[in-house]
Amino acid sequence: MKISRRKFVAATAAMGALSITRRAALADPLGLPLGLQLYSVRKQMADDLDGALAGDAAAGFTEVEAAALPKKSAAEIRAALDKAGLRCVSAHHPFGELHAHFDEIVAYDKTLGVKFLICSSPGYRSPASNAASWEKRPAVTLDDWRYNAEQFNAMGEKTAAQGVQFGYHNHIAEFAMTDGKIPYMELLALTDPKKVTFELDCGWAVVGGMKPVDIMEHHPYRITMLHVKDFKLAGSADKTAPTETELGRGSIDYAPVFAQAAKTQHIEHVFVEQEAFDIPWQESLKVDADYMRTFRG
């Protein structure tokens, strides 16, 4: 069948435009969809859920990870996500909530469409410590970390039966030497790779004194998702509370991180997390999205 030159040129242009559109929704470092951790817009979602999600999509994000959602039904949240054209692939929950309401949380998250359920903070072997307010909770002991590993294996077995992968997300406590051990390494050693994956928060790992590259290099099959964020570390008086900024405007060099992530070939999702804004939030997210889209190393 012959095709006219005009039709051929038009079809080629259309294919090119579609390719550009698809590429614009990808994060160049790994060729994955642009992802955002919704904790970034927790305040905006509380005020105007639809507006916040529309703003996320306008910045260029196509995937999200749930956290700090407004108190609405899973069906309502799913409808808002669908309206904004966002796909929720993962969700965060602290240990205490998971321990107390595990089955309800799994059902809720499955309605959102998630494939990963991530524990976002550790728990304690002592029920009293788990029940205490954040301000009154003691330091997490090595025995507590080992208890977490036991619980993660059990939770991972339950979620796997429902087609959901269980995982853990770090902050900085996981990297503080505790009774001669680094808790993060204990979690890696004591959790079953078939039941528990890890979402490496690269920003907090750096603040905690670790190199994300080393973690991925030595445990290439355990890390399947990344959080990326930037901090201004120079001159920070409190290393546990450095100044957060947009990607590319801080101290963290992501070139080796992305290079190692690409080398492992096991990273499935990457989420930008902007925990605080010092410029208008829509502008901040656009800076982050543009950084990811145009990153060349």
C-alpha atoms as a PDB file:
ATOM      1  CA  MET A   1       0.000   0.000   0.000  1.00  0.00           C
ATOM      2  CA  LYS A   2       1.400   3.355  -1.061  1.00  0.00           C
ATOM      3  CA  ILE A   3       1.334   6.331   1.260  1.00  0.00           C
ATOM      4  CA  SER A   4       1.625   9.920   0.159  1.00  0.00           C
ATOM      5  CA  ARG A   5       4.635  11.981   1.164  1.00  0.00           C
ATOM      6  CA  ARG A   6       2.337  14.387   3.026  1.00  0.00           C
ATOM      7  CA  LYS A   7       0.788  11.567   5.069  1.00  0.00           C
ATOM      8  CA  PHE A   8       4.210  10.075   5.739  1.00  0.00           C
ATOM      9  CA  VAL A   9       5.568  13.379   7.048  1.00  0.00           C
ATOM     10  CA  ALA A  10       2.452  13.927   9.172  1.00  0.00           C
ATOM     11  CA  ALA A  11       2.649  10.430  10.646  1.00  0.00           C
ATOM     12  CA  THR A  12       6.354  10.827  11.382  1.00  0.00           C
ATOM     13  CA  ALA A  13       5.735  14.156  13.107  1.00  0.00           C
ATOM     14  CA  ALA A  14       2.933  12.656  15.181  1.00  0.00           C
ATOM     15  CA  MET A  15       5.149   9.772  16.285  1.00  0.00           C
ATOM     16  CA  GLY A  16       7.883  12.221  17.181  1.00  0.00           C
ATOM     17  CA  ALA A  17       5.505  14.355  19.226  1.00  0.00           C
ATOM     18  CA  LEU A  18       4.245  11.273  21.049  1.00  0.00           C
ATOM     19  CA  SER A  19       7.819  10.222  21.795  1.00  0.00           C
ATOM     20  CA  ILE A  20       8.616  13.684  23.187  1.00  0.00           C
ATOM     21  CA  THR A  21       5.459  13.627  25.317  1.00  0.00           C
ATOM     22  CA  ARG A  22       6.333  10.231  26.740  1.00  0.00           C
ATOM     23  CA  ARG A  23       9.943  11.265  27.373  1.00  0.00           C
ATOM     24  CA  ALA A  24       8.800  14.412  29.147  1.00  0.00           C
ATOM     25  CA  ALA A  25       7.078  12.200  31.715  1.00  0.00           C
ATOM     26  CA  LEU A  26      10.240  10.234  32.385  1.00  0.00           C
ATOM     27  CA  ALA A  27      13.128  10.839  34.742  1.00  0.00           C
ATOM     28  CA  ASP A  28      16.206  10.767  32.520  1.00  0.00           C
ATOM     29  CA  PRO A  29      18.663   9.216  35.009  1.00  0.00           C
ATOM     30  CA  LEU A  30      16.960   5.804  34.870  1.00  0.00           C
ATOM     31  CA  GLY A  31      14.263   6.212  32.237  1.00  0.00           C
ATOM     32  CA  LEU A  32      11.543   5.665  34.850  1.00  0.00           C
ATOM     33  CA  PRO A  33       8.287   7.599  35.284  1.00  0.00           C
ATOM     34  CA  LEU A  34       8.619  10.807  37.268  1.00  0.00           C
ATOM     35  CA  GLY A  35       7.545   9.977  40.806  1.00  0.00           C
ATOM     36  CA  LEU A  36       6.631  12.142  43.790  1.00  0.00           C
ATOM     37  CA  GLN A  37       6.231  11.224  47.453  1.00  0.00           C
ATOM     38  CA  LEU A  38       2.940  12.857  48.469  1.00  0.00           C
ATOM     39  CA  TYR A  39       4.280  13.730  51.913  1.00  0.00           C
ATOM     40  CA  SER A  40       5.771  16.659  50.002  1.00  0.00           C
ATOM     41  CA  VAL A  41       2.309  18.190  49.587  1.00  0.00           C
ATOM     42  CA  ARG A  42       0.701  17.017  52.829  1.00  0.00           C
ATOM     43  CA  LYS A  43      -0.419  20.530  53.792  1.00  0.00           C
ATOM     44  CA  GLN A  44      -1.691  21.293  50.320  1.00  0.00           C
ATOM     45  CA  MET A  45      -3.664  18.028  50.188  1.00  0.00           C
ATOM     46  CA  ALA A  46      -5.274  18.798  53.539  1.00  0.00           C
ATOM     47  CA  ASP A  47      -6.486  22.154  52.202  1.00  0.00           C
ATOM     48  CA  ASP A  48      -7.417  21.133  48.650  1.00  0.00           C
ATOM     49  CA  LEU A  49      -6.822  17.532  47.593  1.00  0.00           C
ATOM     50  CA  ASP A  50      -7.780  18.000  43.960  1.00  0.00           C
ATOM     51  CA  GLY A  51      -5.753  21.186  43.661  1.00  0.00           C
ATOM     52  CA  ALA A  52      -2.664  19.622  45.220  1.00  0.00           C
ATOM     53  CA  LEU A  53      -2.772  16.565  42.966  1.00  0.00           C
ATOM     54  CA  ALA A  54      -3.402  18.727  39.900  1.00  0.00           C
ATOM     55  CA  GLY A  55      -0.346  20.783  40.858  1.00  0.00           C
ATOM     56  CA  ASP A  56       1.749  17.621  41.123  1.00  0.00           C
ATOM     57  CA  ALA A  57       0.668  16.543  37.659  1.00  0.00           C
ATOM     58  CA  ALA A  58       1.263  20.029  36.250  1.00  0.00           C
ATOM     59  CA  ALA A  59       4.863  19.889  37.497  1.00  0.00           C
ATOM     60  CA  GLY A  60       5.319  16.759  35.398  1.00  0.00           C
ATOM     61  CA  PHE A  61       4.889  13.907  37.866  1.00  0.00           C
ATOM     62  CA  THR A  62       2.965  10.843  36.731  1.00  0.00           C
ATOM     63  CA  GLU A  63       3.531   8.428  39.628  1.00  0.00           C
ATOM     64  CA  VAL A  64       3.057   9.050  43.337  1.00  0.00           C
ATOM     65  CA  GLU A  65       3.750   7.352  46.633  1.00  0.00           C
ATOM     66  CA  ALA A  66       1.036   7.883  49.220  1.00  0.00           C
ATOM     67  CA  ALA A  67       1.700   9.320  52.679  1.00  0.00           C
ATOM     68  CA  ALA A  68      -0.060  11.774  54.992  1.00  0.00           C
ATOM     69  CA  LEU A  69      -3.264  11.501  52.970  1.00  0.00           C
ATOM     70  CA  PRO A  70      -6.379  13.415  54.017  1.00  0.00           C
ATOM     71  CA  LYS A  71      -8.858  11.402  56.067  1.00  0.00           C
ATOM     72  CA  LYS A  72     -10.973  10.248  53.149  1.00  0.00           C
ATOM     73  CA  SER A  73     -12.053   6.830  51.936  1.00  0.00           C
ATOM     74  CA  ALA A  74      -9.779   4.893  49.636  1.00  0.00           C
ATOM     75  CA  ALA A  75     -12.372   5.263  46.877  1.00  0.00           C
ATOM     76  CA  GLU A  76     -12.353   9.057  47.261  1.00  0.00           C
ATOM     77  CA  ILE A  77      -8.560   9.218  47.172  1.00  0.00           C
ATOM     78  CA  ARG A  78      -8.434   6.891  44.163  1.00  0.00           C
ATOM     79  CA  ALA A  79     -10.974   9.041  42.328  1.00  0.00           C
ATOM     80  CA  ALA A  80      -8.906  12.177  43.018  1.00  0.00           C
ATOM     81  CA  LEU A  81      -5.741  10.467  41.784  1.00  0.00           C
ATOM     82  CA  ASP A  82      -7.473   9.252  38.635  1.00  0.00           C
ATOM     83  CA  LYS A  83      -8.858  12.736  38.008  1.00  0.00           C
ATOM     84  CA  ALA A  84      -5.334  14.172  38.185  1.00  0.00           C
ATOM     85  CA  GLY A  85      -3.935  11.416  35.973  1.00  0.00           C
ATOM     86  CA  LEU A  86      -1.641  10.136  38.710  1.00  0.00           C
ATOM     87  CA  ARG A  87      -0.838   6.489  39.376  1.00  0.00           C
ATOM     88  CA  CYS A  88      -0.250   5.505  43.010  1.00  0.00           C
ATOM     89  CA  VAL A  89       2.284   2.676  43.009  1.00  0.00           C
ATOM     90  CA  SER A  90       3.422   2.714  46.638  1.00  0.00           C
ATOM     91  CA  ALA A  91       2.291   3.826  50.092  1.00  0.00           C
ATOM     92  CA  HIS A  92       4.004   4.706  53.386  1.00  0.00           C
ATOM     93  CA  HIS A  93       2.809   3.788  56.871  1.00  0.00           C
ATOM     94  CA  PRO A  94       4.592   4.005  60.251  1.00  0.00           C
ATOM     95  CA  PHE A  95       5.200   0.781  62.162  1.00  0.00           C
ATOM     96  CA  GLY A  96       2.621   1.546  64.854  1.00  0.00           C
ATOM     97  CA  GLU A  97      -0.212   1.897  62.354  1.00  0.00           C
ATOM     98  CA  LEU A  98       0.808  -1.247  60.520  1.00  0.00           C
ATOM     99  CA  HIS A  99       1.017  -3.210  63.736  1.00  0.00           C
ATOM    100  CA  ALA A 100      -2.422  -2.080  64.877  1.00  0.00           C
ATOM    101  CA  HIS A 101      -4.369  -1.956  61.601  1.00  0.00           C
ATOM    102  CA  PHE A 102      -2.485  -4.125  59.145  1.00  0.00           C
ATOM    103  CA  ASP A 103      -5.377  -5.776  57.300  1.00  0.00           C
ATOM    104  CA  GLU A 104      -7.325  -2.512  56.958  1.00  0.00           C
ATOM    105  CA  ILE A 105      -4.248  -0.722  55.614  1.00  0.00           C
ATOM    106  CA  VAL A 106      -3.550  -3.394  53.021  1.00  0.00           C
ATOM    107  CA  ALA A 107      -7.160  -3.288  51.818  1.00  0.00           C
ATOM    108  CA  TYR A 108      -7.076   0.523  51.656  1.00  0.00           C
ATOM    109  CA  ASP A 109      -3.822   0.593  49.729  1.00  0.00           C
ATOM    110  CA  LYS A 110      -4.941  -2.054  47.262  1.00  0.00           C
ATOM    111  CA  THR A 111      -7.897   0.167  46.386  1.00  0.00           C
ATOM    112  CA  LEU A 112      -5.395   2.922  45.567  1.00  0.00           C
ATOM    113  CA  GLY A 113      -3.653   0.485  43.241  1.00  0.00           C
ATOM    114  CA  VAL A 114      -0.345   0.165  45.059  1.00  0.00           C
ATOM    115  CA  LYS A 115       2.192  -2.564  44.376  1.00  0.00           C
ATOM    116  CA  PHE A 116       4.451  -1.654  47.306  1.00  0.00           C
ATOM    117  CA  LEU A 117       3.527  -1.154  50.967  1.00  0.00           C
ATOM    118  CA  ILE A 118       6.386   0.557  52.795  1.00  0.00           C
ATOM    119  CA  CYS A 119       7.005   0.816  56.528  1.00  0.00           C
ATOM    120  CA  SER A 120       8.280   4.356  57.033  1.00  0.00           C
ATOM    121  CA  SER A 121       9.510   4.169  60.629  1.00  0.00           C
ATOM    122  CA  PRO A 122      10.653   1.497  63.099  1.00  0.00           C
ATOM    123  CA  GLY A 123       8.777   0.098  66.074  1.00  0.00           C
ATOM    124  CA  TYR A 124       9.701  -1.302  69.475  1.00  0.00           C
ATOM    125  CA  ARG A 125       9.482  -4.727  71.016  1.00  0.00           C
ATOM    126  CA  SER A 126       7.881  -3.062  74.065  1.00  0.00           C
ATOM    127  CA  PRO A 127       4.164  -2.271  73.545  1.00  0.00           C
ATOM    128  CA  ALA A 128       4.521   0.651  75.957  1.00  0.00           C
ATOM    129  CA  SER A 129       7.209   2.249  73.793  1.00  0.00           C
ATOM    130  CA  ASN A 130       5.103   1.765  70.668  1.00  0.00           C
ATOM    131  CA  ALA A 131       2.178   3.473  72.367  1.00  0.00           C
ATOM    132  CA  ALA A 132       4.201   6.454  73.596  1.00  0.00           C
ATOM    133  CA  SER A 133       4.059   9.823  71.839  1.00  0.00           C
ATOM    134  CA  TRP A 134       6.919  10.616  69.460  1.00  0.00           C
ATOM    135  CA  GLU A 135       8.448  13.035  71.945  1.00  0.00           C
ATOM    136  CA  LYS A 136       8.566  10.416  74.705  1.00  0.00           C
ATOM    137  CA  ARG A 137       9.797   7.440  72.745  1.00  0.00           C
ATOM    138  CA  PRO A 138      13.209   6.036  73.751  1.00  0.00           C
ATOM    139  CA  ALA A 139      16.048   5.312  71.360  1.00  0.00           C
ATOM    140  CA  VAL A 140      15.573   2.211  69.230  1.00  0.00           C
ATOM    141  CA  THR A 141      17.817  -0.528  70.599  1.00  0.00           C
ATOM    142  CA  LEU A 142      19.545  -3.253  68.614  1.00  0.00           C
ATOM    143  CA  ASP A 143      17.012  -5.731  69.997  1.00  0.00           C
ATOM    144  CA  ASP A 144      14.242  -3.456  68.727  1.00  0.00           C
ATOM    145  CA  TRP A 145      15.784  -3.409  65.262  1.00  0.00           C
ATOM    146  CA  ARG A 146      15.922  -7.195  65.268  1.00  0.00           C
ATOM    147  CA  TYR A 147      12.289  -7.261  66.343  1.00  0.00           C
ATOM    148  CA  ASN A 148      11.509  -5.009  63.384  1.00  0.00           C
ATOM    149  CA  ALA A 149      13.182  -7.499  61.053  1.00  0.00           C
ATOM    150  CA  GLU A 150      11.028 -10.300  62.476  1.00  0.00           C
ATOM    151  CA  GLN A 151       7.887  -8.249  62.017  1.00  0.00           C
ATOM    152  CA  PHE A 152       8.828  -7.178  58.506  1.00  0.00           C
ATOM    153  CA  ASN A 153       9.253 -10.806  57.453  1.00  0.00           C
ATOM    154  CA  ALA A 154       5.802 -11.632  58.834  1.00  0.00           C
ATOM    155  CA  MET A 155       4.196  -8.588  57.222  1.00  0.00           C
ATOM    156  CA  GLY A 156       5.955  -9.280  53.931  1.00  0.00           C
ATOM    157  CA  GLU A 157       4.600 -12.802  53.839  1.00  0.00           C
ATOM    158  CA  LYS A 158       1.064 -11.471  54.343  1.00  0.00           C
ATOM    159  CA  THR A 159       1.269  -8.765  51.695  1.00  0.00           C
ATOM    160  CA  ALA A 160       2.856 -11.130  49.160  1.00  0.00           C
ATOM    161  CA  ALA A 161      -0.211 -13.340  49.399  1.00  0.00           C
ATOM    162  CA  GLN A 162      -2.216 -10.343  48.159  1.00  0.00           C
ATOM    163  CA  GLY A 163       0.133  -9.357  45.366  1.00  0.00           C
ATOM    164  CA  VAL A 164       1.789  -6.483  47.246  1.00  0.00           C
ATOM    165  CA  GLN A 165       5.508  -6.165  48.011  1.00  0.00           C
ATOM    166  CA  PHE A 166       6.414  -5.111  51.557  1.00  0.00           C
ATOM    167  CA  GLY A 167       9.406  -2.861  52.153  1.00  0.00           C
ATOM    168  CA  TYR A 168      11.186  -0.488  54.507  1.00  0.00           C
ATOM    169  CA  HIS A 169      12.204   3.164  54.126  1.00  0.00           C
ATOM    170  CA  ASN A 170      15.079   4.675  56.119  1.00  0.00           C
ATOM    171  CA  HIS A 171      15.715   7.997  57.784  1.00  0.00           C
ATOM    172  CA  ILE A 172      19.012   8.478  59.707  1.00  0.00           C
ATOM    173  CA  ALA A 173      18.633   6.381  62.879  1.00  0.00           C
ATOM    174  CA  GLU A 174      19.235   3.261  60.781  1.00  0.00           C
ATOM    175  CA  PHE A 175      22.844   4.336  60.242  1.00  0.00           C
ATOM    176  CA  ALA A 176      23.805   5.232  63.820  1.00  0.00           C
ATOM    177  CA  MET A 177      26.101   2.633  65.369  1.00  0.00           C
ATOM    178  CA  THR A 178      24.019   0.742  67.945  1.00  0.00           C
ATOM    179  CA  ASP A 179      25.613  -1.844  70.242  1.00  0.00           C
ATOM    180  CA  GLY A 180      28.386  -2.320  67.719  1.00  0.00           C
ATOM    181  CA  LYS A 181      26.057  -2.776  64.758  1.00  0.00           C
ATOM    182  CA  ILE A 182      24.647  -0.575  62.041  1.00  0.00           C
ATOM    183  CA  PRO A 183      20.866  -1.154  62.201  1.00  0.00           C
ATOM    184  CA  TYR A 184      20.360  -0.853  58.440  1.00  0.00           C
ATOM    185  CA  MET A 185      22.822  -3.675  57.860  1.00  0.00           C
ATOM    186  CA  GLU A 186      21.062  -5.765  60.499  1.00  0.00           C
ATOM    187  CA  LEU A 187      17.752  -5.258  58.718  1.00  0.00           C
ATOM    188  CA  LEU A 188      19.305  -6.294  55.420  1.00  0.00           C
ATOM    189  CA  ALA A 189      20.849  -9.382  57.006  1.00  0.00           C
ATOM    190  CA  LEU A 190      17.805 -10.507  58.983  1.00  0.00           C
ATOM    191  CA  THR A 191      14.984  -9.899  56.511  1.00  0.00           C
ATOM    192  CA  ASP A 192      14.045 -12.421  53.851  1.00  0.00           C
ATOM    193  CA  PRO A 193      14.778 -11.025  50.354  1.00  0.00           C
ATOM    194  CA  LYS A 194      11.679 -12.809  49.065  1.00  0.00           C
ATOM    195  CA  LYS A 195       9.482 -11.009  51.590  1.00  0.00           C
ATOM    196  CA  VAL A 196      11.087  -7.614  52.244  1.00  0.00           C
ATOM    197  CA  THR A 197      12.513  -5.040  49.871  1.00  0.00           C
ATOM    198  CA  PHE A 198      14.128  -1.685  50.676  1.00  0.00           C
ATOM    199  CA  GLU A 199      13.403   1.838  49.562  1.00  0.00           C
ATOM    200  CA  LEU A 200      16.659   3.737  49.990  1.00  0.00           C
ATOM    201  CA  ASP A 201      16.226   7.378  50.943  1.00  0.00           C
ATOM    202  CA  CYS A 202      19.443   8.685  49.448  1.00  0.00           C
ATOM    203  CA  GLY A 203      19.222  12.120  51.073  1.00  0.00           C
ATOM    204  CA  TRP A 204      18.800  10.834  54.609  1.00  0.00           C
ATOM    205  CA  ALA A 205      21.453   8.174  54.035  1.00  0.00           C
ATOM    206  CA  VAL A 206      23.963  10.896  53.154  1.00  0.00           C
ATOM    207  CA  VAL A 207      22.947  12.923  56.208  1.00  0.00           C
ATOM    208  CA  GLY A 208      23.373   9.742  58.269  1.00  0.00           C
ATOM    209  CA  GLY A 209      26.971   9.421  57.100  1.00  0.00           C
ATOM    210  CA  MET A 210      26.465   6.698  54.503  1.00  0.00           C
ATOM    211  CA  LYS A 211      27.047   6.543  50.761  1.00  0.00           C
ATOM    212  CA  PRO A 212      23.997   5.361  48.801  1.00  0.00           C
ATOM    213  CA  VAL A 213      26.366   4.078  46.106  1.00  0.00           C
ATOM    214  CA  ASP A 214      28.031   1.701  48.570  1.00  0.00           C
ATOM    215  CA  ILE A 215      24.701   0.372  49.828  1.00  0.00           C
ATOM    216  CA  MET A 216      23.462  -0.356  46.307  1.00  0.00           C
ATOM    217  CA  GLU A 217      26.789  -1.828  45.242  1.00  0.00           C
ATOM    218  CA  HIS A 218      26.940  -4.264  48.150  1.00  0.00           C
ATOM    219  CA  HIS A 219      23.215  -5.074  48.175  1.00  0.00           C
ATOM    220  CA  PRO A 220      22.159  -4.731  44.527  1.00  0.00           C
ATOM    221  CA  TYR A 221      19.147  -7.018  44.758  1.00  0.00           C
ATOM    222  CA  ARG A 222      17.637  -5.586  47.940  1.00  0.00           C
ATOM    223  CA  ILE A 223      17.051  -1.987  46.855  1.00  0.00           C
ATOM    224  CA  THR A 224      14.140  -1.598  44.440  1.00  0.00           C
ATOM    225  CA  MET A 225      13.078   2.016  45.017  1.00  0.00           C
ATOM    226  CA  LEU A 226      14.812   5.320  45.739  1.00  0.00           C
ATOM    227  CA  HIS A 227      13.874   8.573  47.435  1.00  0.00           C
ATOM    228  CA  VAL A 228      15.806  11.558  46.127  1.00  0.00           C
ATOM    229  CA  LYS A 229      16.024  14.863  47.954  1.00  0.00           C
ATOM    230  CA  ASP A 230      18.672  17.521  48.432  1.00  0.00           C
ATOM    231  CA  PHE A 231      20.113  19.286  51.477  1.00  0.00           C
ATOM    232  CA  LYS A 232      22.439  22.194  52.080  1.00  0.00           C
ATOM    233  CA  LEU A 233      24.914  20.445  54.348  1.00  0.00           C
ATOM    234  CA  ALA A 234      27.768  22.961  54.521  1.00  0.00           C
ATOM    235  CA  GLY A 235      27.528  25.071  57.646  1.00  0.00           C
ATOM    236  CA  SER A 236      24.608  23.108  59.048  1.00  0.00           C
ATOM    237  CA  ALA A 237      24.862  23.318  62.838  1.00  0.00           C
ATOM    238  CA  ASP A 238      22.573  20.321  63.340  1.00  0.00           C
ATOM    239  CA  LYS A 239      23.445  17.440  61.030  1.00  0.00           C
ATOM    240  CA  THR A 240      20.170  15.723  61.916  1.00  0.00           C
ATOM    241  CA  ALA A 241      18.192  18.716  60.654  1.00  0.00           C
ATOM    242  CA  PRO A 242      20.032  20.154  57.647  1.00  0.00           C
ATOM    243  CA  THR A 243      18.388  22.699  55.373  1.00  0.00           C
ATOM    244  CA  GLU A 244      16.304  21.066  52.673  1.00  0.00           C
ATOM    245  CA  THR A 245      16.322  22.530  49.199  1.00  0.00           C
ATOM    246  CA  GLU A 246      15.366  21.614  45.656  1.00  0.00           C
ATOM    247  CA  LEU A 247      17.303  18.997  43.720  1.00  0.00           C
ATOM    248  CA  GLY A 248      20.465  20.432  42.246  1.00  0.00           C
ATOM    249  CA  ARG A 249      20.548  23.350  44.672  1.00  0.00           C
ATOM    250  CA  GLY A 250      22.103  21.537  47.599  1.00  0.00           C
ATOM    251  CA  SER A 251      25.152  19.479  48.509  1.00  0.00           C
ATOM    252  CA  ILE A 252      24.238  15.979  47.305  1.00  0.00           C
ATOM    253  CA  ASP A 253      25.863  14.754  44.101  1.00  0.00           C
ATOM    254  CA  TYR A 254      23.393  12.410  42.447  1.00  0.00           C
ATOM    255  CA  ALA A 255      25.555  11.563  39.433  1.00  0.00           C
ATOM    256  CA  PRO A 256      27.246   8.534  41.089  1.00  0.00           C
ATOM    257  CA  VAL A 257      23.978   7.530  42.762  1.00  0.00           C
ATOM    258  CA  PHE A 258      22.071   7.353  39.488  1.00  0.00           C
ATOM    259  CA  ALA A 259      24.999   5.688  37.746  1.00  0.00           C
ATOM    260  CA  GLN A 260      25.083   2.931  40.364  1.00  0.00           C
ATOM    261  CA  ALA A 261      21.302   2.593  40.303  1.00  0.00           C
ATOM    262  CA  ALA A 262      21.411   2.110  36.540  1.00  0.00           C
ATOM    263  CA  LYS A 263      24.186  -0.433  36.934  1.00  0.00           C
ATOM    264  CA  THR A 264      22.218  -2.574  39.390  1.00  0.00           C
ATOM    265  CA  GLN A 265      19.193  -2.584  37.042  1.00  0.00           C
ATOM    266  CA  HIS A 266      16.874  -3.367  39.960  1.00  0.00           C
ATOM    267  CA  ILE A 267      15.417   0.065  40.695  1.00  0.00           C
ATOM    268  CA  GLU A 268      11.734   0.077  39.772  1.00  0.00           C
ATOM    269  CA  HIS A 269      10.593   3.478  41.057  1.00  0.00           C
ATOM    270  CA  VAL A 270      12.230   6.769  42.025  1.00  0.00           C
ATOM    271  CA  PHE A 271      10.339   9.326  44.108  1.00  0.00           C
ATOM    272  CA  VAL A 272      11.254  12.952  44.629  1.00  0.00           C
ATOM    273  CA  GLU A 273      10.494  14.076  48.175  1.00  0.00           C
ATOM    274  CA  GLN A 274      10.467  17.767  49.013  1.00  0.00           C
ATOM    275  CA  GLU A 275       9.836  17.800  52.757  1.00  0.00           C
ATOM    276  CA  ALA A 276       9.789  21.587  53.077  1.00  0.00           C
ATOM    277  CA  PHE A 277       9.308  24.586  50.800  1.00  0.00           C
ATOM    278  CA  ASP A 278      10.974  27.993  51.000  1.00  0.00           C
ATOM    279  CA  ILE A 279       9.626  29.029  47.591  1.00  0.00           C
ATOM    280  CA  PRO A 280       6.077  28.532  46.251  1.00  0.00           C
ATOM    281  CA  TRP A 281       5.360  24.797  46.287  1.00  0.00           C
ATOM    282  CA  GLN A 282       4.395  24.551  42.615  1.00  0.00           C
ATOM    283  CA  GLU A 283       7.656  26.243  41.646  1.00  0.00           C
ATOM    284  CA  SER A 284       9.651  23.981  43.947  1.00  0.00           C
ATOM    285  CA  LEU A 285       8.171  20.801  42.480  1.00  0.00           C
ATOM    286  CA  LYS A 286       8.771  22.087  38.956  1.00  0.00           C
ATOM    287  CA  VAL A 287      12.452  22.633  39.800  1.00  0.00           C
ATOM    288  CA  ASP A 288      12.670  19.058  41.095  1.00  0.00           C
ATOM    289  CA  ALA A 289      10.857  17.588  38.096  1.00  0.00           C
ATOM    290  CA  ASP A 290      13.002  19.542  35.637  1.00  0.00           C
ATOM    291  CA  TYR A 291      16.152  18.371  37.423  1.00  0.00           C
ATOM    292  CA  MET A 292      15.095  14.755  37.021  1.00  0.00           C
ATOM    293  CA  ARG A 293      13.955  15.183  33.430  1.00  0.00           C
ATOM    294  CA  THR A 294      17.085  16.930  32.202  1.00  0.00           C
ATOM    295  CA  PHE A 295      19.683  15.147  34.337  1.00  0.00           C
ATOM    296  CA  ARG A 296      22.709  14.109  32.297  1.00  0.00           C
ATOM    297  CA  GLY A 297      25.273  13.350  35.014  1.00  0.00           C
END
